[in-house]
Amino acid sequence: MKRILLASVAVILLAGLSSAQSQLENPGFETWDDILIGSTDTIREPAEWSSLKTSDDAQLSTFAPVVCKRSSDAHSGDYSIKLTNISSLLVANGVATNGRIHPNLTTSLAYMYTDTLNSPWNTPFVERPDSIVGWFKYEPATSDTLGVKVVLHRGFGKQPDAAYLENWIAVATFYSPRNTGGQWVRFSTPFEYYSDQTPQYVLVVLNSGNGFAPVAGSIAYFDDFEMIYNSPLTATNQPAASPGFMYVEGNRLLLLKGMQQGMYQAVSIRDMTGKLVWNGHVTDDRIDISPANLKKGIYLFSLTGNREIYSQKIMVP
């Protein structure tokens, strides 16, 4: 359940006097709220975040399983957030957001959104970070995939979004099917900017399974999210201010620039639905991706190391 922003913080933001760079609220999931969901029943949600049990549909929320729990298995501090896909009438995706959930039994009609009129369900954010990093553990069932999506936007924002895309300023996306074997793994993914405007809000969606086809039993833990600020980005696919970046030549060669030698051992390519298109090994800074036979479009490229994953959207011409 979201908390109302502290008045002192709001005053500082409005006055423009703060020199600190903005971060997500409760990014390490250390603070949790006990929420009454019936005459005697309570659940626990991380402060500034919400789940299916506090959606905008009270009837569906009543019957929804508890997919979000507090875990003492943390990367740092005392707690992390644990999301689990649970079989109910359908397979309920383990989902949490810093906005609010609009559920629907028809999965394609469900979405997460920033409620700009209700402060408990929105997160003001007025800066332009270079990337977002965080830590996760994942125990996928069969071929399931966890996801992190962060949208910087103005006005009303939702995800998935078919009606308000013009409000989006930037998007950072991370998918992983990797079973981490009980180890915490760091991920890093850059924002892709579509506009030179200043954001007003940030909407974050965390999933323990494929949003449209989750598999029952998948479990994901998240902890220690951080916005990274380097030089300002322009509307481009290449985060030139980051420690390294990737780009493609045609649809046959992936080139790595500025990556630490030996940090990554594998590469995967996914389309924008999260479907795996191709994977292979990293042997040097020039990788033959011709077997993927990529068509023109945008793909999510991920480099995987023992304790690190770096993802980046790339346009294939």
Protein backbone atom coordinates (compact mmCIF):
# COMPACT_ATOMS: atom_id res chain seq x y z
CA MET A 1 0.00 0.00 0.00
CA LYS A 2 1.31 3.41 -0.90
CA ARG A 3 2.00 6.04 1.71
CA ILE A 4 1.35 9.73 1.25
CA LEU A 5 4.60 11.52 0.51
CA LEU A 6 6.13 13.39 3.40
CA ALA A 7 5.22 17.07 3.20
CA SER A 8 8.79 18.13 3.71
CA VAL A 9 9.93 16.11 0.70
CA ALA A 10 7.17 17.58 -1.45
CA VAL A 11 8.14 21.10 -0.45
CA ILE A 12 11.77 20.44 -1.33
CA LEU A 13 10.84 19.03 -4.74
CA LEU A 14 8.50 21.86 -5.56
CA ALA A 15 11.00 24.46 -4.49
CA GLY A 16 13.68 22.82 -6.62
CA LEU A 17 16.17 23.10 -3.80
CA SER A 18 17.18 19.51 -3.54
CA SER A 19 20.50 18.56 -5.11
CA ALA A 20 20.02 14.84 -4.39
CA GLN A 21 19.15 12.68 -7.36
CA SER A 22 15.73 11.03 -7.20
CA GLN A 23 15.36 7.37 -6.29
CA LEU A 24 12.37 5.06 -6.00
CA GLU A 25 10.43 5.06 -2.75
CA ASN A 26 11.27 2.12 -0.48
CA PRO A 27 13.66 0.65 -3.11
CA GLY A 28 15.09 -1.92 -0.68
CA PHE A 29 11.69 -3.12 0.59
CA GLU A 30 12.67 -2.54 4.22
CA THR A 31 9.35 -0.94 5.26
CA TRP A 32 6.10 -2.92 5.17
CA ASP A 33 2.46 -2.07 5.94
CA ASP A 34 -0.13 -4.33 7.54
CA ILE A 35 -3.38 -3.93 5.58
CA LEU A 36 -6.86 -4.96 6.70
CA ILE A 37 -8.58 -6.77 3.80
CA GLY A 38 -11.61 -8.12 5.69
CA SER A 39 -13.24 -7.86 9.06
CA THR A 40 -10.31 -9.66 10.68
CA ASP A 41 -7.87 -10.63 7.90
CA THR A 42 -4.71 -8.68 7.22
CA ILE A 43 -2.00 -8.93 4.59
CA ARG A 44 1.39 -7.27 4.35
CA GLU A 45 2.62 -5.15 1.44
CA PRO A 46 5.79 -3.09 1.05
CA ALA A 47 5.24 0.60 1.75
CA GLU A 48 4.93 2.58 -1.50
CA TRP A 49 4.10 -0.61 -3.45
CA SER A 50 0.91 -2.59 -4.07
CA SER A 51 -0.24 -6.00 -5.26
CA LEU A 52 -3.36 -7.86 -6.43
CA LYS A 53 -4.91 -7.68 -2.95
CA THR A 54 -5.14 -3.87 -3.11
CA SER A 55 -6.22 -3.54 -6.74
CA ASP A 56 -8.94 -1.14 -7.89
CA ASP A 57 -11.48 -3.99 -8.16
CA ALA A 58 -12.55 -4.90 -4.63
CA GLN A 59 -14.48 -7.99 -5.75
CA LEU A 60 -11.58 -9.51 -7.68
CA SER A 61 -9.14 -8.51 -4.94
CA THR A 62 -11.15 -10.50 -2.42
CA PHE A 63 -10.68 -13.71 -4.39
CA ALA A 64 -7.16 -13.03 -5.60
CA PRO A 65 -4.39 -15.13 -4.02
CA VAL A 66 -1.60 -13.50 -2.03
CA VAL A 67 1.22 -13.34 -4.60
CA CYS A 68 3.35 -10.77 -2.76
CA LYS A 69 5.09 -11.47 0.56
CA ARG A 70 7.88 -10.15 2.73
CA SER A 71 11.01 -12.30 2.78
CA SER A 72 13.90 -12.24 5.23
CA ASP A 73 16.10 -13.61 2.41
CA ALA A 74 17.52 -10.21 1.45
CA HIS A 75 20.43 -9.01 -0.64
CA SER A 76 21.03 -6.32 1.99
CA GLY A 77 19.14 -5.10 5.02
CA ASP A 78 16.45 -7.24 6.64
CA TYR A 79 13.91 -7.85 3.88
CA SER A 80 13.25 -8.32 0.17
CA ILE A 81 10.02 -8.69 -1.80
CA LYS A 82 8.98 -12.21 -2.80
CA LEU A 83 6.59 -12.71 -5.73
CA THR A 84 5.03 -16.08 -6.59
CA ASN A 85 2.85 -17.27 -9.48
CA ILE A 86 -0.13 -19.07 -7.91
CA SER A 87 -2.71 -21.28 -9.62
CA SER A 88 -6.23 -20.12 -8.81
CA LEU A 89 -9.11 -19.73 -11.27
CA LEU A 90 -6.25 -18.82 -13.58
CA VAL A 91 -2.53 -18.67 -12.93
CA ALA A 92 -2.16 -15.40 -11.01
CA ASN A 93 1.09 -13.68 -11.89
CA GLY A 94 3.28 -12.64 -8.98
CA VAL A 95 3.11 -8.90 -9.53
CA ALA A 96 3.88 -5.73 -7.59
CA THR A 97 3.86 -2.10 -8.67
CA ASN A 98 4.46 1.33 -7.23
CA GLY A 99 1.22 2.34 -8.98
CA ARG A 100 -2.03 0.37 -8.81
CA ILE A 101 -3.29 -2.80 -10.47
CA HIS A 102 -6.42 -2.95 -12.60
CA PRO A 103 -7.12 -6.71 -12.73
CA ASN A 104 -9.26 -8.58 -15.21
CA LEU A 105 -10.04 -12.27 -15.67
CA THR A 106 -9.23 -11.66 -19.33
CA THR A 107 -5.47 -11.28 -18.95
CA SER A 108 -5.03 -9.01 -21.98
CA LEU A 109 -7.35 -6.44 -20.37
CA ALA A 110 -5.41 -6.18 -17.10
CA TYR A 111 -2.88 -3.40 -16.54
CA MET A 112 -0.90 -1.42 -13.96
CA TYR A 113 -1.23 2.36 -13.81
CA THR A 114 -0.26 5.63 -12.17
CA ASP A 115 -3.34 7.17 -10.57
CA THR A 116 -2.43 10.85 -10.84
CA LEU A 117 -5.46 11.92 -8.78
CA ASN A 118 -4.66 9.77 -5.74
CA SER A 119 -1.29 10.20 -4.06
CA PRO A 120 -1.31 6.72 -2.47
CA TRP A 121 -1.10 5.27 -6.00
CA ASN A 122 1.49 7.43 -7.74
CA THR A 123 5.20 8.23 -7.41
CA PRO A 124 6.32 11.71 -8.52
CA PHE A 125 9.65 11.63 -10.34
CA VAL A 126 11.16 14.60 -12.17
CA GLU A 127 14.65 13.48 -13.24
CA ARG A 128 16.16 11.61 -16.19
CA PRO A 129 18.31 8.69 -14.97
CA ASP A 130 20.67 6.83 -17.27
CA SER A 131 19.72 3.33 -16.08
CA ILE A 132 18.27 1.29 -13.27
CA VAL A 133 20.08 -1.48 -11.41
CA GLY A 134 18.85 -3.98 -8.86
CA TRP A 135 19.27 -7.48 -7.49
CA PHE A 136 17.13 -10.57 -8.00
CA LYS A 137 16.87 -14.28 -7.31
CA TYR A 138 14.71 -16.46 -9.51
CA GLU A 139 13.29 -19.97 -9.36
CA PRO A 140 11.33 -20.25 -12.64
CA ALA A 141 8.90 -23.05 -13.37
CA THR A 142 9.75 -24.61 -16.76
CA SER A 143 10.33 -21.81 -19.31
CA ASP A 144 8.89 -18.88 -17.35
CA THR A 145 10.49 -15.40 -17.39
CA LEU A 146 10.56 -12.69 -14.74
CA GLY A 147 10.26 -9.05 -15.73
CA VAL A 148 11.03 -5.53 -14.56
CA LYS A 149 9.59 -2.58 -16.46
CA VAL A 150 10.09 1.06 -15.50
CA VAL A 151 8.24 3.84 -17.32
CA LEU A 152 9.03 7.54 -16.85
CA HIS A 153 6.00 9.49 -17.99
CA ARG A 154 3.90 12.63 -17.84
CA GLY A 155 0.22 12.65 -16.92
CA PHE A 156 -1.63 9.34 -16.80
CA GLY A 157 0.55 6.27 -17.42
CA LYS A 158 -0.22 2.58 -17.69
CA GLN A 159 1.51 -0.66 -18.58
CA PRO A 160 0.79 -2.39 -20.92
CA ASP A 161 -0.23 0.76 -22.76
CA ALA A 162 -2.18 1.03 -25.98
CA ALA A 163 -3.72 4.46 -25.40
CA TYR A 164 -1.26 6.71 -23.58
CA LEU A 165 2.09 5.99 -25.22
CA GLU A 166 2.44 9.68 -26.07
CA ASN A 167 2.85 10.30 -22.32
CA TRP A 168 5.95 8.09 -22.08
CA ILE A 169 9.29 9.85 -21.67
CA ALA A 170 11.52 6.78 -21.27
CA VAL A 171 11.35 3.04 -20.63
CA ALA A 172 13.77 0.56 -19.05
CA THR A 173 12.98 -3.15 -19.50
CA PHE A 174 14.57 -6.27 -18.07
CA TYR A 175 13.57 -9.92 -18.62
CA SER A 176 15.31 -13.05 -17.37
CA PRO A 177 14.49 -16.78 -17.48
CA ARG A 178 17.65 -17.56 -15.50
CA ASN A 179 17.42 -19.87 -12.49
CA THR A 180 19.92 -18.18 -10.20
CA GLY A 181 20.47 -21.27 -8.06
CA GLY A 182 19.74 -19.45 -4.82
CA GLN A 183 22.26 -16.68 -5.53
CA TRP A 184 21.54 -12.97 -5.76
CA VAL A 185 22.33 -11.62 -9.24
CA ARG A 186 22.70 -7.96 -10.18
CA PHE A 187 20.95 -6.61 -13.26
CA SER A 188 21.48 -3.34 -15.08
CA THR A 189 19.38 -1.96 -17.91
CA PRO A 190 19.40 1.52 -19.48
CA PHE A 191 16.49 3.85 -20.12
CA GLU A 192 15.55 4.41 -23.72
CA TYR A 193 14.37 8.02 -24.08
CA TYR A 194 11.62 9.00 -26.49
CA SER A 195 11.26 12.65 -25.48
CA ASP A 196 13.33 15.57 -24.23
CA GLN A 197 10.59 16.51 -21.75
CA THR A 198 10.95 16.22 -17.99
CA PRO A 199 9.04 13.28 -16.45
CA GLN A 200 6.37 13.79 -13.80
CA TYR A 201 5.99 10.20 -12.55
CA VAL A 202 7.69 6.82 -12.53
CA LEU A 203 5.72 3.57 -12.88
CA VAL A 204 7.47 0.31 -11.95
CA VAL A 205 6.06 -3.17 -12.59
CA LEU A 206 7.69 -6.32 -11.19
CA ASN A 207 6.63 -9.80 -12.36
CA SER A 208 7.67 -13.27 -11.27
CA GLY A 209 6.39 -14.70 -14.55
CA ASN A 210 5.54 -13.90 -18.14
CA GLY A 211 2.85 -11.25 -17.80
CA PHE A 212 0.47 -12.88 -20.28
CA ALA A 213 1.35 -16.56 -19.78
CA PRO A 214 2.81 -17.07 -16.28
CA VAL A 215 3.64 -20.56 -15.08
CA ALA A 216 2.41 -21.64 -11.66
CA GLY A 217 5.18 -22.02 -9.10
CA SER A 218 7.68 -19.45 -10.40
CA ILE A 219 9.22 -17.47 -7.53
CA ALA A 220 11.17 -14.20 -7.78
CA TYR A 221 12.87 -12.08 -5.13
CA PHE A 222 13.81 -8.42 -5.73
CA ASP A 223 15.91 -6.04 -3.66
CA ASP A 224 18.00 -2.86 -3.70
CA PHE A 225 16.80 -0.95 -6.77
CA GLU A 226 18.83 2.12 -7.66
CA MET A 227 18.56 4.77 -10.36
CA ILE A 228 21.94 5.51 -11.93
CA TYR A 229 22.78 9.01 -13.15
CA ASN A 230 25.58 9.73 -15.58
CA SER A 231 25.59 12.22 -18.43
CA PRO A 232 22.11 13.13 -19.74
CA LEU A 233 20.84 10.77 -22.43
CA THR A 234 19.33 11.82 -25.71
CA ALA A 235 16.71 9.87 -27.64
CA THR A 236 19.00 7.05 -28.72
CA ASN A 237 19.47 3.35 -28.17
CA GLN A 238 23.09 3.69 -27.09
CA PRO A 239 23.73 4.66 -23.43
CA ALA A 240 27.15 6.15 -24.26
CA ALA A 241 27.68 7.35 -20.69
CA SER A 242 27.42 3.83 -19.25
CA PRO A 243 30.45 1.64 -18.52
CA GLY A 244 29.74 -0.17 -21.79
CA PHE A 245 27.13 -0.69 -24.46
CA MET A 246 26.14 -2.94 -27.35
CA TYR A 247 25.19 -2.27 -30.95
CA VAL A 248 24.55 -4.33 -34.06
CA GLU A 249 25.91 -4.21 -37.60
CA GLY A 250 23.10 -5.22 -39.89
CA ASN A 251 21.44 -8.28 -38.42
CA ARG A 252 24.57 -10.44 -38.31
CA LEU A 253 27.03 -9.04 -35.78
CA LEU A 254 26.72 -7.84 -32.16
CA LEU A 255 29.55 -5.60 -30.99
CA LEU A 256 30.42 -4.95 -27.34
CA LYS A 257 32.06 -1.66 -26.44
CA GLY A 258 33.66 -0.88 -23.09
CA MET A 259 32.64 -4.20 -21.50
CA GLN A 260 35.05 -5.71 -18.98
CA GLN A 261 36.74 -8.74 -20.54
CA GLY A 262 35.38 -12.00 -19.15
CA MET A 263 32.52 -10.42 -17.17
CA TYR A 264 29.84 -11.97 -19.40
CA GLN A 265 29.67 -15.52 -20.73
CA ALA A 266 26.31 -15.70 -22.52
CA VAL A 267 24.09 -13.53 -24.70
CA SER A 268 20.35 -13.82 -25.34
CA ILE A 269 17.98 -11.98 -27.66
CA ARG A 270 14.27 -11.52 -26.93
CA ASP A 271 11.52 -9.80 -28.83
CA MET A 272 9.37 -7.14 -27.15
CA THR A 273 6.89 -9.76 -25.89
CA GLY A 274 9.71 -11.39 -23.91
CA LYS A 275 9.93 -14.43 -26.21
CA LEU A 276 13.42 -15.88 -26.55
CA VAL A 277 14.65 -15.52 -30.14
CA TRP A 278 18.22 -16.76 -29.81
CA ASN A 279 21.03 -17.33 -27.32
CA GLY A 280 24.74 -18.02 -27.58
CA HIS A 281 28.14 -17.68 -25.95
CA VAL A 282 30.31 -14.59 -25.49
CA THR A 283 33.85 -15.37 -26.61
CA ASP A 284 35.06 -11.88 -27.57
CA ASP A 285 33.66 -8.41 -28.30
CA ARG A 286 32.32 -9.43 -31.72
CA ILE A 287 29.50 -12.00 -31.63
CA ASP A 288 28.04 -13.68 -34.69
CA ILE A 289 24.24 -13.44 -34.31
CA SER A 290 23.42 -14.39 -37.90
CA PRO A 291 21.82 -17.72 -36.78
CA ALA A 292 19.09 -15.64 -35.09
CA ASN A 293 17.96 -14.44 -38.52
CA LEU A 294 16.63 -11.22 -36.98
CA LYS A 295 14.01 -9.24 -38.86
CA LYS A 296 13.81 -5.46 -38.72
CA GLY A 297 12.62 -4.28 -35.31
CA ILE A 298 13.52 -3.66 -31.67
CA TYR A 299 14.96 -6.48 -29.56
CA LEU A 300 16.15 -6.85 -25.98
CA PHE A 301 19.77 -8.06 -25.85
CA SER A 302 21.03 -9.44 -22.52
CA LEU A 303 24.57 -10.31 -21.47
CA THR A 304 24.80 -12.77 -18.57
CA GLY A 305 27.70 -13.32 -16.19
CA ASN A 306 28.07 -15.26 -12.96
CA ARG A 307 26.70 -12.43 -10.80
CA GLU A 308 25.74 -9.79 -13.34
CA ILE A 309 23.21 -9.29 -16.15
CA TYR A 310 23.20 -6.29 -18.48
CA SER A 311 20.26 -5.67 -20.83
CA GLN A 312 19.75 -3.17 -23.61
CA LYS A 313 17.14 -2.52 -26.27
CA ILE A 314 18.65 -2.37 -29.77
CA MET A 315 17.07 -1.52 -33.09
CA VAL A 316 17.92 -4.00 -35.82
CA PRO A 317 17.80 -2.13 -39.18
